[in-house]
Amino acid sequence: MKEIQRQEDTVVIDVREGWEFEEFNEGGINIPLAEIREKRSLAADFNTIVVICTNGVRSKVAAMDYCRIPEWNDKKILHVKGGIIESE
């Protein structure tokens, strides 16, 4: 995960709830899944967006939502399959 975060023009979005992020996080920006649409501007300036969560379910939903933004068609939008649990 740290290698991904060091890549230029890349942001990691953690879509878990705030308390989950505070308890343990991999860095990046915490935007709970319920807030991804209203806080979309926090990711808008990056060309690569990596979405993470605990087990990959919420991050997949968020990544799919980001992929539906016509203006973001040229962005690379990824999610971590299996989430933080399987990435370690």
C-alpha atoms as a PDB file:
ATOM      1  CA  MET A   1       0.000   0.000   0.000  1.00  0.00           C
ATOM      2  CA  LYS A   2       2.796   2.446   0.855  1.00  0.00           C
ATOM      3  CA  GLU A   3       4.301   1.934  -2.606  1.00  0.00           C
ATOM      4  CA  ILE A   4       0.997   2.889  -4.224  1.00  0.00           C
ATOM      5  CA  GLN A   5       0.696   6.009  -2.092  1.00  0.00           C
ATOM      6  CA  ARG A   6       4.144   7.219  -3.182  1.00  0.00           C
ATOM      7  CA  GLN A   7       3.181   7.179  -6.838  1.00  0.00           C
ATOM      8  CA  GLU A   8       2.773  10.596  -8.351  1.00  0.00           C
ATOM      9  CA  ASP A   9      -0.757  11.885  -8.864  1.00  0.00           C
ATOM     10  CA  THR A  10      -2.271   9.027  -6.802  1.00  0.00           C
ATOM     11  CA  VAL A  11      -4.620   9.217  -3.839  1.00  0.00           C
ATOM     12  CA  VAL A  12      -5.854   6.486  -1.532  1.00  0.00           C
ATOM     13  CA  ILE A  13      -9.455   6.915  -0.366  1.00  0.00           C
ATOM     14  CA  ASP A  14     -10.447   4.881   2.707  1.00  0.00           C
ATOM     15  CA  VAL A  15     -14.248   4.532   2.669  1.00  0.00           C
ATOM     16  CA  ARG A  16     -14.613   3.018   6.143  1.00  0.00           C
ATOM     17  CA  GLU A  17     -16.337   4.919   8.936  1.00  0.00           C
ATOM     18  CA  GLY A  18     -14.304   7.508  10.835  1.00  0.00           C
ATOM     19  CA  TRP A  19     -13.980   5.368  13.956  1.00  0.00           C
ATOM     20  CA  GLU A  20     -12.623   2.472  11.869  1.00  0.00           C
ATOM     21  CA  PHE A  21     -10.080   4.754  10.223  1.00  0.00           C
ATOM     22  CA  GLU A  22      -8.986   6.108  13.615  1.00  0.00           C
ATOM     23  CA  GLU A  23      -8.621   2.584  15.015  1.00  0.00           C
ATOM     24  CA  PHE A  24      -6.384   1.417  12.163  1.00  0.00           C
ATOM     25  CA  ASN A  25      -5.537   2.974   8.830  1.00  0.00           C
ATOM     26  CA  GLU A  26      -3.203   2.685   5.894  1.00  0.00           C
ATOM     27  CA  GLY A  27      -3.095   6.437   5.358  1.00  0.00           C
ATOM     28  CA  GLY A  28      -4.832   8.313   2.615  1.00  0.00           C
ATOM     29  CA  ILE A  29      -8.026  10.308   2.949  1.00  0.00           C
ATOM     30  CA  ASN A  30     -10.928   9.016   5.002  1.00  0.00           C
ATOM     31  CA  ILE A  31     -14.240   9.529   3.208  1.00  0.00           C
ATOM     32  CA  PRO A  32     -16.934   7.197   4.565  1.00  0.00           C
ATOM     33  CA  LEU A  33     -18.905   5.459   1.806  1.00  0.00           C
ATOM     34  CA  ALA A  34     -22.065   7.430   2.592  1.00  0.00           C
ATOM     35  CA  GLU A  35     -20.163  10.682   1.904  1.00  0.00           C
ATOM     36  CA  ILE A  36     -18.262   9.828  -1.294  1.00  0.00           C
ATOM     37  CA  ARG A  37     -20.553  11.771  -3.597  1.00  0.00           C
ATOM     38  CA  GLU A  38     -20.641  14.953  -1.533  1.00  0.00           C
ATOM     39  CA  LYS A  39     -16.846  14.872  -0.962  1.00  0.00           C
ATOM     40  CA  ARG A  40     -15.935  13.868  -4.514  1.00  0.00           C
ATOM     41  CA  SER A  41     -13.904  17.043  -4.960  1.00  0.00           C
ATOM     42  CA  LEU A  42     -11.235  15.709  -2.555  1.00  0.00           C
ATOM     43  CA  ALA A  43     -10.250  13.133  -5.179  1.00  0.00           C
ATOM     44  CA  ALA A  44     -10.906  15.169  -8.319  1.00  0.00           C
ATOM     45  CA  ASP A  45      -7.355  16.471  -8.814  1.00  0.00           C
ATOM     46  CA  PHE A  46      -5.748  13.007  -8.904  1.00  0.00           C
ATOM     47  CA  ASN A  47      -5.395  10.803 -11.985  1.00  0.00           C
ATOM     48  CA  THR A  48      -5.189   7.537 -10.040  1.00  0.00           C
ATOM     49  CA  ILE A  49      -7.661   6.823  -7.250  1.00  0.00           C
ATOM     50  CA  VAL A  50      -7.261   3.727  -5.091  1.00  0.00           C
ATOM     51  CA  VAL A  51     -10.256   2.972  -2.876  1.00  0.00           C
ATOM     52  CA  ILE A  52      -9.854   0.775   0.212  1.00  0.00           C
ATOM     53  CA  CYS A  53     -11.951  -0.611   3.065  1.00  0.00           C
ATOM     54  CA  THR A  54     -11.798  -3.533   5.474  1.00  0.00           C
ATOM     55  CA  ASN A  55     -12.795  -6.412   3.174  1.00  0.00           C
ATOM     56  CA  GLY A  56     -13.248  -4.876  -0.284  1.00  0.00           C
ATOM     57  CA  VAL A  57     -17.038  -4.610  -0.391  1.00  0.00           C
ATOM     58  CA  ARG A  58     -17.461  -0.891   0.328  1.00  0.00           C
ATOM     59  CA  SER A  59     -14.414   0.034  -1.742  1.00  0.00           C
ATOM     60  CA  LYS A  60     -15.854  -1.796  -4.760  1.00  0.00           C
ATOM     61  CA  VAL A  61     -19.131   0.132  -4.419  1.00  0.00           C
ATOM     62  CA  ALA A  62     -17.250   3.428  -4.141  1.00  0.00           C
ATOM     63  CA  ALA A  63     -14.971   2.646  -7.095  1.00  0.00           C
ATOM     64  CA  MET A  64     -17.979   1.743  -9.244  1.00  0.00           C
ATOM     65  CA  ASP A  65     -19.622   5.032  -8.274  1.00  0.00           C
ATOM     66  CA  TYR A  66     -16.478   6.970  -9.201  1.00  0.00           C
ATOM     67  CA  CYS A  67     -16.348   5.124 -12.562  1.00  0.00           C
ATOM     68  CA  ARG A  68     -19.801   6.495 -13.412  1.00  0.00           C
ATOM     69  CA  ILE A  69     -18.547  10.101 -13.441  1.00  0.00           C
ATOM     70  CA  PRO A  70     -18.224  11.034 -17.131  1.00  0.00           C
ATOM     71  CA  GLU A  71     -15.544  13.651 -16.436  1.00  0.00           C
ATOM     72  CA  TRP A  72     -13.419  10.964 -14.752  1.00  0.00           C
ATOM     73  CA  ASN A  73     -13.288   8.581 -17.741  1.00  0.00           C
ATOM     74  CA  ASP A  74      -9.558   9.264 -18.150  1.00  0.00           C
ATOM     75  CA  LYS A  75      -8.774   8.467 -14.491  1.00  0.00           C
ATOM     76  CA  LYS A  76      -7.474   5.131 -13.264  1.00  0.00           C
ATOM     77  CA  ILE A  77      -9.893   4.038 -10.525  1.00  0.00           C
ATOM     78  CA  LEU A  78      -9.035   0.929  -8.535  1.00  0.00           C
ATOM     79  CA  HIS A  79     -10.164  -0.810  -5.390  1.00  0.00           C
ATOM     80  CA  VAL A  80      -8.247  -3.253  -3.228  1.00  0.00           C
ATOM     81  CA  LYS A  81      -9.929  -6.641  -3.695  1.00  0.00           C
ATOM     82  CA  GLY A  82     -10.190  -8.339  -0.316  1.00  0.00           C
ATOM     83  CA  GLY A  83      -9.586  -5.029   1.423  1.00  0.00           C
ATOM     84  CA  ILE A  84      -7.052  -4.174   4.079  1.00  0.00           C
ATOM     85  CA  ILE A  85      -7.456  -7.626   5.626  1.00  0.00           C
ATOM     86  CA  GLU A  86      -6.110  -9.464   2.582  1.00  0.00           C
ATOM     87  CA  SER A  87      -3.582  -6.822   1.518  1.00  0.00           C
ATOM     88  CA  GLU A  88      -1.387  -7.407   4.553  1.00  0.00           C
END
